[in-house]
Amino acid sequence: MRSTAVVAVLVSMVALGVLAPPALADDNGVYQAYVSRDSDFTRLGNQLKRDIRAWVRSHRTKPGPALATIRDSRAVCSDVVAAMQGQQASSNDGTEAKKHAVASVKDLGASLRALGAGIRARTAHHRAKAKRLGKKADALLSRSLKEEKRARKLFKAAGVEVKS
């Protein structure tokens, strides 16, 4: 009996707003979702450099490890985008920062997709296609870095402590 009364009181207090549940997210939560997998990106980026060097040393015949690392990196990009979209910004600067952060990660994923396609094309001896895809990957990576810079600036303006 007593536990039913306690539950009823707690439910009524929550309904009246006395014990309001905590906010689901804020600008800091969006930023934390954005940087949550930075260590994975660092590790995978270093691994990709090693894998591409190995691919070149194999006379561009063994792209498997590089393509696997690209696939893993794109999966991390998808995880980060999903984590950010699950958060809600609490200010206009935070909303704008989130938009640029999501664009940055999506552009990075698109750059990786183009790089993978370029590696496959070069392995198949389609040099012109590989060169075109390489330029596309570089352009998308450059755009990703610009979006990242904008997002960090806006997160800082929203009052989030941004790590360098």
Protein backbone atom coordinates (compact mmCIF):
# COMPACT_ATOMS: atom_id res chain seq x y z
CA MET A 1 0.00 0.00 0.00
CA ARG A 2 2.68 2.43 1.06
CA SER A 3 4.76 1.94 -2.14
CA THR A 4 1.69 2.65 -4.27
CA ALA A 5 1.19 5.95 -2.47
CA VAL A 6 4.86 6.91 -2.95
CA VAL A 7 4.68 6.11 -6.66
CA ALA A 8 1.46 8.13 -6.98
CA VAL A 9 3.06 11.14 -5.25
CA LEU A 10 6.16 10.93 -7.47
CA VAL A 11 4.06 10.68 -10.63
CA SER A 12 1.96 13.67 -9.62
CA MET A 13 5.08 15.70 -8.75
CA VAL A 14 6.60 14.96 -12.16
CA ALA A 15 3.29 15.82 -13.84
CA LEU A 16 3.17 19.15 -12.01
CA GLY A 17 6.78 19.91 -12.92
CA VAL A 18 8.10 19.85 -9.37
CA LEU A 19 10.52 17.07 -10.24
CA ALA A 20 11.06 17.90 -13.88
CA PRO A 21 13.18 15.36 -15.72
CA PRO A 22 16.55 16.70 -16.83
CA ALA A 23 16.81 18.22 -20.28
CA LEU A 24 17.63 15.65 -22.91
CA ALA A 25 20.52 17.59 -24.35
CA ASP A 26 22.18 20.92 -24.75
CA ASP A 27 24.93 22.45 -26.86
CA ASN A 28 27.59 20.70 -24.80
CA GLY A 29 25.87 17.35 -25.39
CA VAL A 30 25.88 17.93 -29.14
CA TYR A 31 29.58 18.81 -29.00
CA GLN A 32 30.38 15.75 -26.89
CA ALA A 33 28.59 13.57 -29.45
CA TYR A 34 30.62 15.29 -32.19
CA VAL A 35 33.98 14.57 -30.57
CA SER A 36 33.02 11.24 -29.00
CA ARG A 37 34.90 9.15 -31.55
CA ASP A 38 37.94 11.40 -32.15
CA SER A 39 40.32 8.73 -30.86
CA ASP A 40 38.85 6.25 -33.35
CA PHE A 41 39.26 8.74 -36.19
CA THR A 42 42.89 9.31 -35.21
CA ARG A 43 43.61 5.60 -35.01
CA LEU A 44 41.84 4.83 -38.29
CA GLY A 45 43.48 7.77 -40.07
CA ASN A 46 46.93 6.53 -39.10
CA GLN A 47 45.97 3.00 -40.13
CA LEU A 48 44.68 4.27 -43.48
CA LYS A 49 48.01 6.00 -44.17
CA ARG A 50 49.86 2.74 -43.48
CA ASP A 51 47.41 0.73 -45.59
CA ILE A 52 47.69 3.10 -48.56
CA ARG A 53 51.51 2.95 -48.37
CA ALA A 54 51.28 -0.86 -48.36
CA TRP A 55 48.87 -0.74 -51.33
CA VAL A 56 51.29 1.46 -53.30
CA ARG A 57 54.23 -0.81 -52.37
CA SER A 58 52.24 -3.78 -53.71
CA HIS A 59 52.20 -1.97 -57.08
CA ARG A 60 48.56 -1.11 -56.43
CA THR A 61 47.38 -4.72 -56.54
CA LYS A 62 46.31 -5.38 -52.93
CA PRO A 63 43.76 -2.77 -51.82
CA GLY A 64 41.99 -4.99 -49.25
CA PRO A 65 43.39 -3.53 -46.00
CA ALA A 66 42.93 0.07 -47.17
CA LEU A 67 39.35 -0.61 -48.26
CA ALA A 68 38.61 -2.31 -44.93
CA THR A 69 39.94 0.70 -43.01
CA ILE A 70 37.85 3.02 -45.18
CA ARG A 71 34.79 0.90 -44.44
CA ASP A 72 35.50 1.06 -40.69
CA SER A 73 36.02 4.83 -40.88
CA ARG A 74 32.74 5.32 -42.70
CA ALA A 75 30.98 3.27 -40.02
CA VAL A 76 32.42 5.59 -37.35
CA CYS A 77 31.16 8.58 -39.38
CA SER A 78 27.66 7.08 -39.42
CA ASP A 79 27.81 6.50 -35.66
CA VAL A 80 28.85 10.10 -34.99
CA VAL A 81 26.11 11.52 -37.22
CA ALA A 82 23.51 9.34 -35.50
CA ALA A 83 24.78 10.41 -32.06
CA MET A 84 24.62 14.09 -33.01
CA GLN A 85 21.16 13.80 -34.50
CA GLY A 86 19.99 12.24 -31.24
CA GLN A 87 20.98 15.42 -29.39
CA GLN A 88 19.12 18.71 -29.36
CA ALA A 89 20.92 22.04 -29.23
CA SER A 90 19.79 24.63 -26.70
CA SER A 91 20.76 27.84 -28.51
CA ASN A 92 20.79 29.30 -31.99
CA ASP A 93 24.59 29.09 -32.16
CA GLY A 94 24.37 25.48 -30.99
CA THR A 95 21.80 24.66 -33.65
CA GLU A 96 23.98 26.22 -36.35
CA ALA A 97 27.07 24.47 -34.96
CA LYS A 98 25.26 21.14 -35.03
CA LYS A 99 24.29 21.72 -38.66
CA HIS A 100 27.91 22.39 -39.63
CA ALA A 101 29.22 19.51 -37.51
CA VAL A 102 26.84 17.03 -39.17
CA ALA A 103 27.81 18.39 -42.60
CA SER A 104 31.49 18.02 -41.69
CA VAL A 105 31.14 14.36 -40.74
CA LYS A 106 28.93 13.58 -43.74
CA ASP A 107 31.47 15.22 -46.07
CA LEU A 108 34.24 13.18 -44.45
CA GLY A 109 32.24 10.01 -45.09
CA ALA A 110 31.63 11.03 -48.70
CA SER A 111 35.35 11.76 -49.10
CA LEU A 112 36.17 8.29 -47.80
CA ARG A 113 33.62 6.76 -50.18
CA ALA A 114 35.23 8.57 -53.14
CA LEU A 115 38.70 7.54 -51.96
CA GLY A 116 37.63 3.91 -51.80
CA ALA A 117 36.14 4.09 -55.28
CA GLY A 118 39.35 5.72 -56.52
CA ILE A 119 41.47 2.95 -55.01
CA ARG A 120 39.28 0.32 -56.63
CA ALA A 121 39.45 2.14 -59.98
CA ARG A 122 43.25 2.49 -59.83
CA THR A 123 43.61 -1.17 -58.88
CA ALA A 124 41.54 -2.00 -61.99
CA HIS A 125 43.91 0.19 -64.09
CA HIS A 126 41.35 2.94 -64.72
CA ARG A 127 43.73 5.84 -64.16
CA ALA A 128 41.55 8.68 -65.39
CA LYS A 129 38.61 7.59 -63.25
CA ALA A 130 40.90 7.14 -60.25
CA LYS A 131 42.34 10.61 -60.73
CA ARG A 132 38.85 12.13 -60.97
CA LEU A 133 37.72 10.31 -57.83
CA GLY A 134 40.90 11.37 -56.03
CA LYS A 135 40.18 15.02 -56.81
CA LYS A 136 36.60 14.55 -55.60
CA ALA A 137 37.84 12.98 -52.36
CA ASP A 138 40.25 15.88 -51.82
CA ALA A 139 37.54 18.46 -52.47
CA LEU A 140 35.14 16.76 -50.05
CA LEU A 141 37.84 16.50 -47.40
CA SER A 142 38.64 20.20 -47.80
CA ARG A 143 34.95 21.06 -47.46
CA SER A 144 34.72 18.82 -44.38
CA LEU A 145 37.60 20.68 -42.74
CA LYS A 146 35.97 24.05 -43.47
CA GLU A 147 32.68 22.85 -41.97
CA GLU A 148 34.57 21.56 -38.92
CA LYS A 149 36.23 24.95 -38.44
CA ARG A 150 32.85 26.71 -38.67
CA ALA A 151 31.24 24.24 -36.26
CA ARG A 152 33.99 24.65 -33.66
CA LYS A 153 33.74 28.44 -33.91
CA LEU A 154 29.98 28.28 -33.38
CA PHE A 155 30.27 25.80 -30.51
CA LYS A 156 32.68 28.22 -28.87
CA ALA A 157 30.24 31.09 -29.42
CA ALA A 158 27.52 28.96 -27.78
CA GLY A 159 29.65 28.71 -24.66
CA VAL A 160 30.93 25.16 -25.13
CA GLU A 161 34.50 24.49 -24.04
CA VAL A 162 36.04 23.36 -27.32
CA LYS A 163 39.18 21.26 -27.22
CA SER A 164 41.91 22.18 -29.65
